[in-house]
N, C-alpha and C. Protein backbone atom coordinates (compact mmCIF):
# COMPACT_ATOMS: atom_id res chain seq x y z
N UNK A 1 91.21 74.22 94.05
CA UNK A 1 90.31 73.74 93.02
C UNK A 1 89.84 72.34 93.39
N UNK A 2 88.65 71.99 92.98
CA UNK A 2 88.14 70.65 93.23
C UNK A 2 88.65 69.65 92.19
N UNK A 3 89.20 70.15 91.09
CA UNK A 3 89.80 69.30 90.07
C UNK A 3 91.24 69.73 89.86
N UNK A 4 92.10 68.82 89.43
CA UNK A 4 93.52 69.13 89.24
C UNK A 4 93.68 70.06 88.03
N UNK A 5 94.05 71.33 88.27
CA UNK A 5 94.16 72.29 87.17
C UNK A 5 95.43 72.15 86.34
N UNK A 6 96.45 71.49 86.90
CA UNK A 6 97.71 71.32 86.18
C UNK A 6 98.46 70.15 86.81
N UNK A 7 99.44 69.60 86.10
CA UNK A 7 100.22 68.49 86.67
C UNK A 7 100.97 68.88 87.94
N UNK A 8 101.26 70.17 88.12
CA UNK A 8 102.02 70.59 89.30
C UNK A 8 101.13 70.81 90.53
N UNK A 9 99.81 70.73 90.37
CA UNK A 9 98.89 70.94 91.49
C UNK A 9 99.02 69.80 92.50
N UNK A 10 98.96 70.17 93.77
CA UNK A 10 99.15 69.22 94.87
C UNK A 10 97.79 68.91 95.51
N UNK A 11 97.44 67.61 95.63
CA UNK A 11 96.18 67.28 96.31
C UNK A 11 96.35 67.32 97.82
N UNK A 12 95.37 67.90 98.52
CA UNK A 12 95.36 67.90 99.98
C UNK A 12 93.93 67.65 100.45
N UNK A 13 93.83 67.10 101.65
CA UNK A 13 92.52 66.90 102.28
C UNK A 13 92.36 67.99 103.32
N UNK A 14 91.31 68.79 103.18
CA UNK A 14 91.09 69.93 104.06
C UNK A 14 89.68 69.86 104.64
N UNK A 15 89.51 70.50 105.80
CA UNK A 15 88.21 70.51 106.47
C UNK A 15 87.48 71.82 106.15
N UNK A 16 86.23 71.69 105.73
CA UNK A 16 85.41 72.86 105.40
C UNK A 16 85.00 73.56 106.69
N UNK A 17 85.18 74.87 106.72
CA UNK A 17 84.71 75.68 107.84
C UNK A 17 83.33 76.27 107.51
N UNK A 18 83.25 76.91 106.35
CA UNK A 18 81.99 77.51 105.90
C UNK A 18 82.06 77.68 104.38
N UNK A 19 80.91 77.69 103.74
CA UNK A 19 80.82 77.95 102.30
C UNK A 19 79.93 79.17 102.08
N UNK A 20 80.44 80.13 101.31
CA UNK A 20 79.68 81.33 100.96
C UNK A 20 79.31 81.24 99.49
N UNK A 21 78.02 81.22 99.20
CA UNK A 21 77.56 81.19 97.81
C UNK A 21 77.26 82.63 97.40
N UNK A 22 77.94 83.08 96.34
CA UNK A 22 77.78 84.46 95.88
C UNK A 22 77.33 84.47 94.42
N UNK A 23 76.12 84.04 94.19
CA UNK A 23 75.63 83.98 92.81
C UNK A 23 76.17 82.75 92.11
N UNK A 24 77.01 82.96 91.11
CA UNK A 24 77.52 81.84 90.31
C UNK A 24 78.86 81.32 90.81
N UNK A 25 79.35 81.82 91.94
CA UNK A 25 80.62 81.37 92.51
C UNK A 25 80.44 81.05 93.99
N UNK A 26 81.35 80.23 94.50
CA UNK A 26 81.34 79.90 95.93
C UNK A 26 82.72 80.12 96.51
N UNK A 27 82.75 80.75 97.69
CA UNK A 27 83.97 80.85 98.48
C UNK A 27 83.90 79.75 99.52
N UNK A 28 84.88 78.85 99.50
CA UNK A 28 84.91 77.75 100.46
C UNK A 28 86.07 78.01 101.41
N UNK A 29 85.76 78.19 102.68
CA UNK A 29 86.77 78.42 103.71
C UNK A 29 87.20 77.06 104.24
N UNK A 30 88.50 76.80 104.17
CA UNK A 30 89.05 75.48 104.51
C UNK A 30 90.11 75.61 105.59
N UNK A 31 90.21 74.59 106.44
CA UNK A 31 91.29 74.49 107.42
C UNK A 31 92.22 73.38 106.96
N UNK A 32 93.50 73.76 106.79
CA UNK A 32 94.53 72.80 106.39
C UNK A 32 95.85 73.25 106.98
N UNK A 33 96.56 72.33 107.62
CA UNK A 33 97.88 72.61 108.20
C UNK A 33 97.81 73.77 109.20
N UNK A 34 96.76 73.77 110.02
CA UNK A 34 96.57 74.80 111.06
C UNK A 34 96.45 76.21 110.50
N UNK A 35 96.01 76.33 109.26
CA UNK A 35 95.85 77.63 108.61
C UNK A 35 94.49 77.64 107.90
N UNK A 36 93.85 78.81 107.86
CA UNK A 36 92.59 78.97 107.13
C UNK A 36 92.91 79.35 105.69
N UNK A 37 92.36 78.60 104.75
CA UNK A 37 92.52 78.86 103.32
C UNK A 37 91.15 79.24 102.77
N UNK A 38 91.12 80.04 101.71
CA UNK A 38 89.87 80.37 101.05
C UNK A 38 90.01 80.00 99.58
N UNK A 39 89.09 79.16 99.11
CA UNK A 39 89.09 78.71 97.72
C UNK A 39 87.90 79.35 97.02
N UNK A 40 88.13 79.95 95.86
CA UNK A 40 87.06 80.48 95.02
C UNK A 40 86.82 79.46 93.91
N UNK A 41 85.59 78.99 93.81
CA UNK A 41 85.26 77.97 92.82
C UNK A 41 84.00 78.40 92.07
N UNK A 42 83.98 78.20 90.76
CA UNK A 42 82.78 78.51 89.98
C UNK A 42 81.68 77.52 90.33
N UNK A 43 80.47 78.00 90.36
CA UNK A 43 79.32 77.14 90.65
C UNK A 43 78.83 77.28 92.08
N UNK A 44 77.68 76.71 92.32
CA UNK A 44 77.08 76.71 93.65
C UNK A 44 77.47 75.41 94.33
N UNK A 45 78.28 75.53 95.38
CA UNK A 45 78.78 74.36 96.09
C UNK A 45 78.15 74.30 97.48
N UNK A 46 77.75 73.11 97.88
CA UNK A 46 77.16 72.94 99.21
C UNK A 46 77.98 71.90 99.96
N UNK A 47 78.69 72.35 100.99
CA UNK A 47 79.46 71.47 101.86
C UNK A 47 78.99 71.70 103.29
N UNK A 48 79.09 70.68 104.11
CA UNK A 48 78.74 70.79 105.52
C UNK A 48 79.96 71.26 106.31
N UNK A 49 79.75 72.05 107.36
CA UNK A 49 80.88 72.40 108.24
C UNK A 49 81.53 71.13 108.79
N UNK A 50 82.85 71.14 108.87
CA UNK A 50 83.67 70.01 109.33
C UNK A 50 83.76 68.87 108.32
N UNK A 51 83.16 69.01 107.15
CA UNK A 51 83.30 68.00 106.11
C UNK A 51 84.72 68.05 105.56
N UNK A 52 85.35 66.90 105.36
CA UNK A 52 86.69 66.84 104.79
C UNK A 52 86.56 66.59 103.29
N UNK A 53 87.23 67.43 102.50
CA UNK A 53 87.18 67.30 101.05
C UNK A 53 88.60 67.33 100.48
N UNK A 54 88.76 66.76 99.29
CA UNK A 54 90.05 66.84 98.60
C UNK A 54 90.02 68.05 97.68
N UNK A 55 91.06 68.87 97.79
CA UNK A 55 91.23 70.03 96.92
C UNK A 55 92.64 70.00 96.35
N UNK A 56 92.84 70.75 95.28
CA UNK A 56 94.14 70.80 94.63
C UNK A 56 94.70 72.21 94.73
N UNK A 57 95.93 72.32 95.19
CA UNK A 57 96.60 73.61 95.32
C UNK A 57 97.61 73.74 94.19
N UNK A 58 97.40 74.73 93.34
CA UNK A 58 98.32 74.99 92.24
C UNK A 58 99.30 76.06 92.72
N UNK A 59 100.57 75.71 92.91
CA UNK A 59 101.52 76.67 93.46
C UNK A 59 101.67 77.95 92.64
N UNK A 60 101.27 77.93 91.39
CA UNK A 60 101.36 79.13 90.55
C UNK A 60 100.34 80.19 90.95
N UNK A 61 99.32 79.80 91.72
CA UNK A 61 98.23 80.72 92.03
C UNK A 61 98.05 80.98 93.52
N UNK A 62 99.08 80.74 94.31
CA UNK A 62 98.99 80.99 95.75
C UNK A 62 99.37 82.44 96.03
N UNK A 63 98.57 83.10 96.86
CA UNK A 63 98.88 84.45 97.32
C UNK A 63 99.12 84.36 98.83
N UNK A 64 100.24 84.88 99.29
CA UNK A 64 100.62 84.80 100.71
C UNK A 64 100.71 86.20 101.28
N UNK A 65 100.15 86.37 102.50
CA UNK A 65 100.15 87.67 103.16
C UNK A 65 100.78 87.54 104.54
N UNK A 66 101.42 88.63 105.00
CA UNK A 66 102.02 88.62 106.34
C UNK A 66 100.94 88.92 107.39
N UNK A 67 101.35 88.98 108.66
CA UNK A 67 100.40 89.19 109.76
C UNK A 67 99.69 90.54 109.67
N UNK A 68 100.25 91.50 108.94
CA UNK A 68 99.63 92.81 108.78
C UNK A 68 98.76 92.92 107.53
N UNK A 69 98.61 91.80 106.81
CA UNK A 69 97.78 91.80 105.62
C UNK A 69 98.48 92.26 104.36
N UNK A 70 99.80 92.47 104.42
CA UNK A 70 100.56 92.89 103.23
C UNK A 70 101.02 91.65 102.46
N UNK A 71 101.12 91.80 101.17
CA UNK A 71 101.59 90.70 100.33
C UNK A 71 103.01 90.32 100.72
N UNK A 72 103.24 89.02 100.89
CA UNK A 72 104.56 88.53 101.25
C UNK A 72 105.36 88.13 100.02
N UNK A 73 104.76 88.25 98.84
CA UNK A 73 105.44 87.89 97.60
C UNK A 73 106.22 89.08 97.06
N UNK A 74 107.32 88.81 96.36
CA UNK A 74 108.07 89.93 95.77
C UNK A 74 107.24 90.59 94.68
N UNK A 75 107.42 91.89 94.44
CA UNK A 75 106.66 92.57 93.39
C UNK A 75 106.99 91.98 92.02
N UNK A 76 105.97 91.86 91.18
CA UNK A 76 106.16 91.34 89.82
C UNK A 76 106.70 92.45 88.93
N UNK A 77 107.52 92.07 87.97
CA UNK A 77 108.02 93.05 87.01
C UNK A 77 106.90 93.36 86.02
N UNK A 78 106.72 94.61 85.71
CA UNK A 78 105.68 95.02 84.77
C UNK A 78 106.21 94.97 83.35
N UNK A 79 105.35 94.56 82.43
CA UNK A 79 105.73 94.54 81.02
C UNK A 79 105.77 95.96 80.49
N UNK A 80 106.68 96.21 79.55
CA UNK A 80 106.81 97.56 78.97
C UNK A 80 105.67 97.85 78.04
């Protein structure tokens, strides 16, 4: 997120790879810690490739996948 969504969100400086504008939302592809991250943000955002921006990572909303594309998180318990 471009703004701190919660007190637990961690600010990081990441380099923009590309921005995809899809109507009213933008997918911003970022390089941080030798890994490619994708941020979905509401609105039309225009960033230049290689531009460094500050983003906030909320640990409650991170999805992690293994090398085969499978979710690396434990399955959530379903409500009855």
